[in-house]
N, C-alpha and C. Protein backbone atom coordinates (compact mmCIF):
# COMPACT_ATOMS: atom_id res chain seq x y z
N MET A 1 -2.08 -4.43 -97.35
CA MET A 1 -1.50 -5.49 -98.17
C MET A 1 -1.87 -6.84 -97.58
N LYS A 2 -2.78 -7.53 -98.21
CA LYS A 2 -3.17 -8.87 -97.76
C LYS A 2 -2.35 -9.90 -98.50
N ASN A 3 -2.11 -10.99 -97.83
CA ASN A 3 -1.47 -12.14 -98.46
C ASN A 3 -2.28 -13.37 -98.09
N SER A 4 -1.82 -14.53 -98.42
CA SER A 4 -2.60 -15.73 -98.15
C SER A 4 -2.38 -16.30 -96.76
N VAL A 5 -1.75 -15.54 -95.89
CA VAL A 5 -1.47 -16.00 -94.53
C VAL A 5 -2.76 -16.01 -93.71
N ILE A 6 -2.93 -17.09 -92.96
CA ILE A 6 -4.02 -17.18 -92.00
C ILE A 6 -3.47 -16.75 -90.65
N ALA A 7 -4.15 -15.81 -90.03
CA ALA A 7 -3.74 -15.32 -88.71
C ALA A 7 -4.79 -15.69 -87.67
N ILE A 8 -4.32 -15.88 -86.47
CA ILE A 8 -5.19 -16.18 -85.34
C ILE A 8 -5.10 -15.01 -84.37
N CYS A 9 -6.24 -14.59 -83.89
CA CYS A 9 -6.30 -13.52 -82.90
C CYS A 9 -6.97 -14.11 -81.65
N PRO A 10 -6.17 -14.62 -80.71
CA PRO A 10 -6.73 -15.31 -79.55
C PRO A 10 -7.00 -14.38 -78.37
N GLY A 11 -7.89 -14.82 -77.51
CA GLY A 11 -8.15 -14.08 -76.27
C GLY A 11 -9.31 -14.67 -75.53
N SER A 12 -9.54 -14.15 -74.33
CA SER A 12 -10.70 -14.61 -73.58
C SER A 12 -11.95 -13.83 -73.98
N PHE A 13 -11.81 -12.57 -74.34
CA PHE A 13 -12.93 -11.75 -74.85
C PHE A 13 -14.15 -11.83 -73.92
N ASP A 14 -13.92 -11.60 -72.63
CA ASP A 14 -14.97 -11.77 -71.62
C ASP A 14 -15.33 -10.46 -70.94
N PRO A 15 -16.01 -9.55 -71.60
CA PRO A 15 -16.55 -9.56 -72.95
C PRO A 15 -15.61 -8.87 -73.94
N VAL A 16 -15.97 -8.94 -75.21
CA VAL A 16 -15.23 -8.25 -76.25
C VAL A 16 -15.44 -6.74 -76.07
N THR A 17 -14.37 -5.97 -76.28
CA THR A 17 -14.42 -4.51 -76.11
C THR A 17 -14.01 -3.82 -77.40
N TYR A 18 -14.14 -2.51 -77.41
CA TYR A 18 -13.67 -1.74 -78.57
C TYR A 18 -12.17 -1.94 -78.78
N GLY A 19 -11.42 -2.16 -77.73
CA GLY A 19 -9.99 -2.43 -77.88
C GLY A 19 -9.74 -3.72 -78.65
N HIS A 20 -10.47 -4.77 -78.30
CA HIS A 20 -10.36 -6.03 -79.04
C HIS A 20 -10.75 -5.84 -80.49
N LEU A 21 -11.86 -5.15 -80.69
CA LEU A 21 -12.39 -4.97 -82.05
C LEU A 21 -11.44 -4.15 -82.92
N ASP A 22 -10.73 -3.22 -82.32
CA ASP A 22 -9.72 -2.45 -83.04
C ASP A 22 -8.63 -3.37 -83.58
N ILE A 23 -8.13 -4.25 -82.74
CA ILE A 23 -7.07 -5.19 -83.14
C ILE A 23 -7.59 -6.14 -84.21
N ILE A 24 -8.79 -6.68 -84.03
CA ILE A 24 -9.38 -7.62 -85.00
C ILE A 24 -9.57 -6.93 -86.35
N THR A 25 -10.10 -5.74 -86.34
CA THR A 25 -10.34 -5.00 -87.58
C THR A 25 -9.03 -4.70 -88.31
N ARG A 26 -8.04 -4.26 -87.58
CA ARG A 26 -6.75 -3.95 -88.20
C ARG A 26 -6.09 -5.21 -88.76
N ALA A 27 -6.19 -6.32 -88.03
CA ALA A 27 -5.63 -7.58 -88.51
C ALA A 27 -6.34 -8.04 -89.78
N SER A 28 -7.66 -7.80 -89.85
CA SER A 28 -8.42 -8.23 -91.03
C SER A 28 -7.97 -7.51 -92.30
N LYS A 29 -7.38 -6.35 -92.14
CA LYS A 29 -6.88 -5.59 -93.29
C LYS A 29 -5.50 -6.06 -93.73
N MET A 30 -4.83 -6.81 -92.89
CA MET A 30 -3.46 -7.25 -93.18
C MET A 30 -3.36 -8.69 -93.65
N PHE A 31 -4.37 -9.50 -93.32
CA PHE A 31 -4.29 -10.92 -93.60
C PHE A 31 -5.47 -11.40 -94.44
N HIS A 32 -5.20 -12.43 -95.20
CA HIS A 32 -6.23 -13.03 -96.05
C HIS A 32 -7.40 -13.54 -95.21
N LYS A 33 -7.07 -14.17 -94.09
CA LYS A 33 -8.08 -14.74 -93.20
C LYS A 33 -7.63 -14.55 -91.77
N VAL A 34 -8.55 -14.15 -90.91
CA VAL A 34 -8.28 -14.02 -89.48
C VAL A 34 -9.29 -14.88 -88.74
N ILE A 35 -8.79 -15.68 -87.84
CA ILE A 35 -9.65 -16.49 -86.99
C ILE A 35 -9.54 -15.93 -85.57
N VAL A 36 -10.64 -15.40 -85.08
CA VAL A 36 -10.68 -14.93 -83.69
C VAL A 36 -10.99 -16.16 -82.86
N VAL A 37 -10.09 -16.48 -81.95
CA VAL A 37 -10.21 -17.70 -81.16
C VAL A 37 -10.50 -17.36 -79.71
N VAL A 38 -11.68 -17.75 -79.26
CA VAL A 38 -12.07 -17.57 -77.87
C VAL A 38 -11.44 -18.70 -77.06
N ALA A 39 -10.66 -18.32 -76.07
CA ALA A 39 -10.02 -19.31 -75.21
C ALA A 39 -11.08 -19.96 -74.32
N ASP A 40 -11.14 -21.26 -74.38
CA ASP A 40 -12.04 -22.04 -73.52
C ASP A 40 -11.18 -22.61 -72.40
N ASN A 41 -10.87 -21.75 -71.44
CA ASN A 41 -9.95 -22.08 -70.36
C ASN A 41 -10.74 -22.19 -69.06
N SER A 42 -10.92 -23.40 -68.58
CA SER A 42 -11.75 -23.61 -67.39
C SER A 42 -11.10 -23.07 -66.12
N SER A 43 -9.80 -22.75 -66.15
CA SER A 43 -9.14 -22.21 -64.96
C SER A 43 -9.45 -20.72 -64.77
N LYS A 44 -9.97 -20.07 -65.83
CA LYS A 44 -10.37 -18.66 -65.72
C LYS A 44 -11.82 -18.58 -65.27
N ASN A 45 -12.11 -17.62 -64.43
CA ASN A 45 -13.47 -17.42 -63.96
C ASN A 45 -14.16 -16.40 -64.85
N CYS A 46 -14.69 -16.86 -65.96
CA CYS A 46 -15.32 -15.96 -66.95
C CYS A 46 -16.79 -15.74 -66.62
N SER A 47 -17.27 -14.58 -67.02
CA SER A 47 -18.68 -14.24 -66.81
C SER A 47 -19.57 -14.84 -67.89
N PHE A 48 -18.99 -15.09 -69.07
CA PHE A 48 -19.74 -15.61 -70.21
C PHE A 48 -19.15 -16.94 -70.65
N THR A 49 -20.00 -17.84 -71.14
CA THR A 49 -19.51 -19.12 -71.63
C THR A 49 -18.74 -18.88 -72.93
N PRO A 50 -17.92 -19.84 -73.34
CA PRO A 50 -17.23 -19.69 -74.63
C PRO A 50 -18.20 -19.47 -75.79
N ASP A 51 -19.32 -20.19 -75.81
CA ASP A 51 -20.30 -20.02 -76.88
C ASP A 51 -20.91 -18.62 -76.86
N GLU A 52 -21.19 -18.09 -75.68
CA GLU A 52 -21.73 -16.74 -75.58
C GLU A 52 -20.72 -15.71 -76.08
N ARG A 53 -19.46 -15.91 -75.75
CA ARG A 53 -18.42 -14.97 -76.20
C ARG A 53 -18.25 -15.04 -77.72
N VAL A 54 -18.33 -16.23 -78.29
CA VAL A 54 -18.27 -16.38 -79.75
C VAL A 54 -19.41 -15.59 -80.38
N GLU A 55 -20.61 -15.75 -79.87
CA GLU A 55 -21.79 -15.07 -80.43
C GLU A 55 -21.68 -13.56 -80.28
N MET A 56 -21.17 -13.08 -79.14
CA MET A 56 -21.02 -11.64 -78.96
C MET A 56 -20.05 -11.06 -80.00
N ILE A 57 -18.95 -11.75 -80.24
CA ILE A 57 -17.97 -11.27 -81.22
C ILE A 57 -18.61 -11.25 -82.61
N LYS A 58 -19.31 -12.32 -82.95
CA LYS A 58 -19.97 -12.37 -84.26
C LYS A 58 -20.93 -11.20 -84.45
N LYS A 59 -21.68 -10.84 -83.41
CA LYS A 59 -22.60 -9.72 -83.49
C LYS A 59 -21.87 -8.40 -83.77
N CYS A 60 -20.62 -8.31 -83.31
CA CYS A 60 -19.86 -7.06 -83.40
C CYS A 60 -19.09 -6.91 -84.71
N ILE A 61 -18.95 -7.98 -85.49
CA ILE A 61 -18.11 -7.91 -86.69
C ILE A 61 -18.83 -8.41 -87.94
N PRO A 62 -20.09 -8.05 -88.14
CA PRO A 62 -20.80 -8.62 -89.30
C PRO A 62 -20.23 -8.22 -90.65
N ASN A 63 -19.49 -7.14 -90.72
CA ASN A 63 -18.97 -6.66 -92.01
C ASN A 63 -17.54 -7.11 -92.29
N LEU A 64 -16.94 -7.86 -91.40
CA LEU A 64 -15.57 -8.34 -91.63
C LEU A 64 -15.65 -9.74 -92.25
N GLU A 65 -15.73 -9.77 -93.57
CA GLU A 65 -15.99 -11.02 -94.28
C GLU A 65 -14.85 -12.03 -94.20
N ASN A 66 -13.64 -11.57 -93.96
CA ASN A 66 -12.51 -12.50 -93.90
C ASN A 66 -12.18 -12.91 -92.46
N VAL A 67 -13.10 -12.65 -91.54
CA VAL A 67 -12.90 -13.00 -90.13
C VAL A 67 -13.93 -14.06 -89.73
N GLU A 68 -13.43 -15.12 -89.12
CA GLU A 68 -14.33 -16.11 -88.54
C GLU A 68 -14.04 -16.19 -87.05
N VAL A 69 -14.98 -16.71 -86.30
CA VAL A 69 -14.85 -16.81 -84.85
C VAL A 69 -15.01 -18.26 -84.45
N ASP A 70 -14.12 -18.69 -83.57
CA ASP A 70 -14.10 -20.09 -83.13
C ASP A 70 -13.74 -20.10 -81.65
N LYS A 71 -13.81 -21.27 -81.05
CA LYS A 71 -13.35 -21.45 -79.67
C LYS A 71 -12.42 -22.65 -79.64
N PHE A 72 -11.56 -22.66 -78.64
CA PHE A 72 -10.60 -23.75 -78.54
C PHE A 72 -10.13 -23.84 -77.10
N GLY A 73 -9.94 -25.06 -76.62
CA GLY A 73 -9.55 -25.26 -75.23
C GLY A 73 -8.19 -25.86 -75.03
N GLY A 74 -7.42 -26.05 -76.08
CA GLY A 74 -6.11 -26.67 -75.94
C GLY A 74 -4.99 -25.66 -76.11
N LEU A 75 -3.86 -26.16 -76.57
CA LEU A 75 -2.70 -25.30 -76.81
C LEU A 75 -2.90 -24.50 -78.09
N LEU A 76 -2.63 -23.22 -78.02
CA LEU A 76 -2.79 -22.34 -79.18
C LEU A 76 -1.88 -22.78 -80.32
N ALA A 77 -0.70 -23.24 -80.00
CA ALA A 77 0.24 -23.70 -81.03
C ALA A 77 -0.35 -24.88 -81.81
N ASP A 78 -1.05 -25.77 -81.12
CA ASP A 78 -1.71 -26.90 -81.77
C ASP A 78 -2.87 -26.43 -82.64
N TYR A 79 -3.64 -25.48 -82.12
CA TYR A 79 -4.77 -24.94 -82.88
C TYR A 79 -4.26 -24.30 -84.18
N ALA A 80 -3.19 -23.53 -84.08
CA ALA A 80 -2.61 -22.88 -85.27
C ALA A 80 -2.23 -23.93 -86.30
N ALA A 81 -1.61 -25.00 -85.86
CA ALA A 81 -1.23 -26.07 -86.79
C ALA A 81 -2.45 -26.70 -87.44
N GLN A 82 -3.50 -26.95 -86.66
CA GLN A 82 -4.73 -27.55 -87.20
C GLN A 82 -5.36 -26.67 -88.27
N LYS A 83 -5.29 -25.36 -88.09
CA LYS A 83 -5.94 -24.42 -89.01
C LYS A 83 -5.02 -23.95 -90.13
N GLY A 84 -3.76 -24.36 -90.08
CA GLY A 84 -2.81 -23.90 -91.10
C GLY A 84 -2.41 -22.45 -90.93
N ALA A 85 -2.58 -21.91 -89.74
CA ALA A 85 -2.23 -20.52 -89.45
C ALA A 85 -0.74 -20.40 -89.19
N THR A 86 -0.17 -19.32 -89.69
CA THR A 86 1.26 -19.07 -89.47
C THR A 86 1.51 -17.77 -88.72
N ALA A 87 0.44 -17.11 -88.30
CA ALA A 87 0.59 -15.86 -87.54
C ALA A 87 -0.39 -15.84 -86.37
N ILE A 88 0.08 -15.35 -85.25
CA ILE A 88 -0.74 -15.09 -84.08
C ILE A 88 -0.68 -13.59 -83.83
N ILE A 89 -1.81 -12.96 -83.74
CA ILE A 89 -1.88 -11.52 -83.53
C ILE A 89 -2.27 -11.25 -82.09
N LYS A 90 -1.47 -10.47 -81.40
CA LYS A 90 -1.76 -10.09 -80.02
C LYS A 90 -1.75 -8.58 -79.89
N GLY A 91 -2.74 -8.06 -79.20
CA GLY A 91 -2.80 -6.63 -78.93
C GLY A 91 -2.07 -6.31 -77.65
N LEU A 92 -1.37 -5.20 -77.66
CA LEU A 92 -0.63 -4.75 -76.47
C LEU A 92 -1.14 -3.38 -76.04
N ARG A 93 -1.42 -3.25 -74.75
CA ARG A 93 -1.84 -1.96 -74.21
C ARG A 93 -0.67 -1.24 -73.53
N ALA A 94 0.16 -2.00 -72.84
CA ALA A 94 1.23 -1.39 -72.05
C ALA A 94 2.42 -2.35 -71.97
N MET A 95 3.50 -1.86 -71.43
CA MET A 95 4.70 -2.71 -71.29
C MET A 95 4.41 -3.93 -70.43
N SER A 96 3.52 -3.82 -69.47
CA SER A 96 3.18 -4.96 -68.63
C SER A 96 2.57 -6.09 -69.46
N ASP A 97 1.81 -5.76 -70.49
CA ASP A 97 1.28 -6.77 -71.41
C ASP A 97 2.41 -7.46 -72.16
N PHE A 98 3.40 -6.68 -72.56
CA PHE A 98 4.47 -7.21 -73.40
C PHE A 98 5.23 -8.34 -72.71
N GLU A 99 5.55 -8.20 -71.46
CA GLU A 99 6.35 -9.22 -70.77
C GLU A 99 5.66 -10.59 -70.82
N TYR A 100 4.40 -10.64 -70.49
CA TYR A 100 3.65 -11.89 -70.52
C TYR A 100 3.51 -12.40 -71.96
N GLU A 101 3.12 -11.51 -72.87
CA GLU A 101 2.89 -11.91 -74.26
C GLU A 101 4.19 -12.36 -74.93
N PHE A 102 5.30 -11.77 -74.56
CA PHE A 102 6.60 -12.18 -75.11
C PHE A 102 6.92 -13.61 -74.68
N GLN A 103 6.66 -13.94 -73.43
CA GLN A 103 6.87 -15.31 -72.95
C GLN A 103 5.98 -16.29 -73.72
N MET A 104 4.74 -15.90 -73.92
CA MET A 104 3.81 -16.76 -74.67
C MET A 104 4.26 -16.93 -76.12
N ALA A 105 4.74 -15.87 -76.72
CA ALA A 105 5.20 -15.93 -78.11
C ALA A 105 6.37 -16.90 -78.25
N LEU A 106 7.31 -16.82 -77.34
CA LEU A 106 8.46 -17.73 -77.38
C LEU A 106 8.03 -19.18 -77.15
N THR A 107 7.10 -19.38 -76.25
CA THR A 107 6.59 -20.73 -75.98
C THR A 107 5.87 -21.29 -77.20
N ASN A 108 5.00 -20.47 -77.81
CA ASN A 108 4.28 -20.93 -79.00
C ASN A 108 5.23 -21.24 -80.14
N LYS A 109 6.29 -20.45 -80.28
CA LYS A 109 7.29 -20.69 -81.34
C LYS A 109 8.01 -22.01 -81.08
N LYS A 110 8.29 -22.31 -79.84
CA LYS A 110 8.95 -23.58 -79.48
C LYS A 110 8.02 -24.77 -79.78
N LEU A 111 6.74 -24.60 -79.47
CA LEU A 111 5.77 -25.68 -79.68
C LEU A 111 5.39 -25.84 -81.14
N ASN A 112 5.42 -24.73 -81.90
CA ASN A 112 5.06 -24.76 -83.31
C ASN A 112 5.99 -23.80 -84.06
N PRO A 113 7.10 -24.31 -84.59
CA PRO A 113 8.08 -23.44 -85.26
C PRO A 113 7.54 -22.74 -86.50
N ASN A 114 6.38 -23.14 -87.00
CA ASN A 114 5.81 -22.52 -88.20
C ASN A 114 4.96 -21.29 -87.91
N VAL A 115 4.82 -20.92 -86.65
CA VAL A 115 3.96 -19.79 -86.30
C VAL A 115 4.79 -18.63 -85.75
N GLU A 116 4.43 -17.44 -86.20
CA GLU A 116 5.07 -16.21 -85.71
C GLU A 116 4.03 -15.40 -84.96
N THR A 117 4.45 -14.78 -83.87
CA THR A 117 3.55 -13.89 -83.13
C THR A 117 3.88 -12.45 -83.50
N LEU A 118 2.83 -11.71 -83.85
CA LEU A 118 2.96 -10.30 -84.20
C LEU A 118 2.19 -9.48 -83.18
N PHE A 119 2.79 -8.40 -82.71
CA PHE A 119 2.16 -7.55 -81.72
C PHE A 119 1.64 -6.28 -82.38
N LEU A 120 0.40 -5.94 -82.10
CA LEU A 120 -0.19 -4.67 -82.54
C LEU A 120 -0.46 -3.83 -81.30
N THR A 121 0.01 -2.62 -81.31
CA THR A 121 -0.31 -1.75 -80.18
C THR A 121 -1.73 -1.24 -80.36
N THR A 122 -2.42 -1.16 -79.26
CA THR A 122 -3.80 -0.70 -79.31
C THR A 122 -3.85 0.79 -79.61
N ALA A 123 -4.97 1.24 -80.12
CA ALA A 123 -5.17 2.66 -80.36
C ALA A 123 -5.11 3.39 -79.02
N ALA A 124 -4.61 4.60 -79.03
CA ALA A 124 -4.41 5.37 -77.80
C ALA A 124 -5.69 5.47 -76.97
N GLU A 125 -6.83 5.61 -77.63
CA GLU A 125 -8.08 5.75 -76.87
C GLU A 125 -8.51 4.48 -76.15
N ASN A 126 -7.85 3.35 -76.46
CA ASN A 126 -8.19 2.08 -75.80
C ASN A 126 -7.09 1.55 -74.90
N MET A 127 -6.05 2.31 -74.67
CA MET A 127 -4.89 1.79 -73.92
C MET A 127 -5.23 1.35 -72.50
N TYR A 128 -6.19 1.97 -71.89
CA TYR A 128 -6.57 1.66 -70.51
C TYR A 128 -7.66 0.60 -70.43
N LEU A 129 -8.27 0.27 -71.54
CA LEU A 129 -9.48 -0.54 -71.58
C LEU A 129 -9.21 -2.02 -71.42
N SER A 130 -9.99 -2.66 -70.56
CA SER A 130 -9.92 -4.11 -70.39
C SER A 130 -11.31 -4.66 -70.14
N SER A 131 -11.49 -5.93 -70.41
CA SER A 131 -12.78 -6.58 -70.14
C SER A 131 -13.11 -6.51 -68.66
N SER A 132 -12.11 -6.68 -67.81
CA SER A 132 -12.33 -6.61 -66.36
C SER A 132 -12.86 -5.25 -65.95
N MET A 133 -12.31 -4.19 -66.55
CA MET A 133 -12.77 -2.84 -66.24
C MET A 133 -14.22 -2.65 -66.67
N VAL A 134 -14.57 -3.15 -67.85
CA VAL A 134 -15.94 -3.04 -68.34
C VAL A 134 -16.90 -3.73 -67.37
N LYS A 135 -16.54 -4.93 -66.92
CA LYS A 135 -17.41 -5.66 -66.00
C LYS A 135 -17.54 -4.94 -64.66
N GLN A 136 -16.45 -4.36 -64.18
CA GLN A 136 -16.48 -3.63 -62.91
C GLN A 136 -17.38 -2.40 -63.01
N ILE A 137 -17.27 -1.66 -64.11
CA ILE A 137 -18.10 -0.47 -64.31
C ILE A 137 -19.57 -0.87 -64.40
N ALA A 138 -19.87 -1.93 -65.15
CA ALA A 138 -21.26 -2.40 -65.29
C ALA A 138 -21.81 -2.84 -63.94
N LEU A 139 -21.00 -3.54 -63.17
CA LEU A 139 -21.42 -4.03 -61.85
C LEU A 139 -21.81 -2.88 -60.93
N MET A 140 -21.11 -1.78 -61.06
CA MET A 140 -21.36 -0.62 -60.18
C MET A 140 -22.37 0.35 -60.79
N GLY A 141 -23.01 -0.07 -61.89
CA GLY A 141 -24.07 0.75 -62.48
C GLY A 141 -23.57 1.86 -63.37
N GLY A 142 -22.31 1.83 -63.74
CA GLY A 142 -21.76 2.85 -64.61
C GLY A 142 -22.11 2.62 -66.07
N GLU A 143 -21.93 3.63 -66.86
CA GLU A 143 -22.24 3.56 -68.29
C GLU A 143 -21.06 2.95 -69.04
N ILE A 144 -21.33 1.94 -69.86
CA ILE A 144 -20.26 1.26 -70.61
C ILE A 144 -20.34 1.52 -72.10
N GLU A 145 -21.13 2.48 -72.52
CA GLU A 145 -21.35 2.71 -73.95
C GLU A 145 -20.08 3.09 -74.72
N SER A 146 -19.12 3.70 -74.07
CA SER A 146 -17.90 4.07 -74.80
C SER A 146 -16.86 2.95 -74.80
N PHE A 147 -17.22 1.80 -74.23
CA PHE A 147 -16.28 0.69 -74.12
C PHE A 147 -16.65 -0.53 -74.96
N VAL A 148 -17.95 -0.72 -75.20
CA VAL A 148 -18.43 -1.89 -75.94
C VAL A 148 -19.52 -1.48 -76.92
N PRO A 149 -19.67 -2.21 -78.02
CA PRO A 149 -20.72 -1.87 -79.00
C PRO A 149 -22.13 -2.03 -78.42
N ALA A 150 -23.04 -1.22 -78.93
CA ALA A 150 -24.43 -1.25 -78.48
C ALA A 150 -25.06 -2.62 -78.64
N VAL A 151 -24.67 -3.35 -79.67
CA VAL A 151 -25.29 -4.63 -79.99
C VAL A 151 -25.08 -5.68 -78.88
N ILE A 152 -24.09 -5.49 -78.02
CA ILE A 152 -23.86 -6.45 -76.92
C ILE A 152 -23.98 -5.81 -75.54
N ARG A 153 -24.19 -4.52 -75.49
CA ARG A 153 -24.19 -3.78 -74.22
C ARG A 153 -25.20 -4.34 -73.22
N GLN A 154 -26.43 -4.55 -73.64
CA GLN A 154 -27.45 -5.02 -72.71
C GLN A 154 -27.17 -6.45 -72.24
N ASP A 155 -26.59 -7.27 -73.11
CA ASP A 155 -26.21 -8.63 -72.70
C ASP A 155 -25.22 -8.59 -71.54
N ILE A 156 -24.27 -7.67 -71.64
CA ILE A 156 -23.26 -7.53 -70.58
C ILE A 156 -23.92 -7.05 -69.29
N ILE A 157 -24.70 -6.00 -69.40
CA ILE A 157 -25.36 -5.44 -68.21
C ILE A 157 -26.24 -6.49 -67.55
N ASN A 158 -27.02 -7.22 -68.34
CA ASN A 158 -27.91 -8.25 -67.78
C ASN A 158 -27.12 -9.32 -67.04
N ARG A 159 -26.01 -9.75 -67.59
CA ARG A 159 -25.22 -10.82 -66.97
C ARG A 159 -24.49 -10.33 -65.71
N ILE A 160 -23.89 -9.18 -65.81
CA ILE A 160 -23.05 -8.69 -64.71
C ILE A 160 -23.88 -8.23 -63.51
N THR A 161 -25.03 -7.67 -63.77
CA THR A 161 -25.83 -7.11 -62.67
C THR A 161 -26.88 -8.06 -62.12
N LYS A 162 -26.93 -9.28 -62.63
CA LYS A 162 -27.97 -10.22 -62.15
C LYS A 162 -27.67 -10.72 -60.77
């Protein structure tokens, strides 16, 4: 059931994984428009630039016509207001994710009363999956094919193992 609500799906996506793509795909079925927002946070030590992460996500979602990809370096609540978004979609893997995300949801609601945060639990096969784990496996020469799409796999390996 889609409606005219614009939803934002924020994250660092360093790199994007099948877990991220599961949440993005499911959100695209629920909302008229989904904006995947790559966090441009200079305090995080990311392996890929914001522009590279935007491009990787775009490569992975060519068939999701109601999804666009953007980057932003300020407050998510402000970005939501600029885009007219009234929903923030966050994926949860475990209870440890919930505590942090719950704090963020309350903060975003205080900063922008027009935005609601919705939590989607990840598919069981992705509950353990994180971008950090993918990078660690790639660094140690392990196979990452079951964690990230083929279209970005070599980009990740080239960056992490250089």
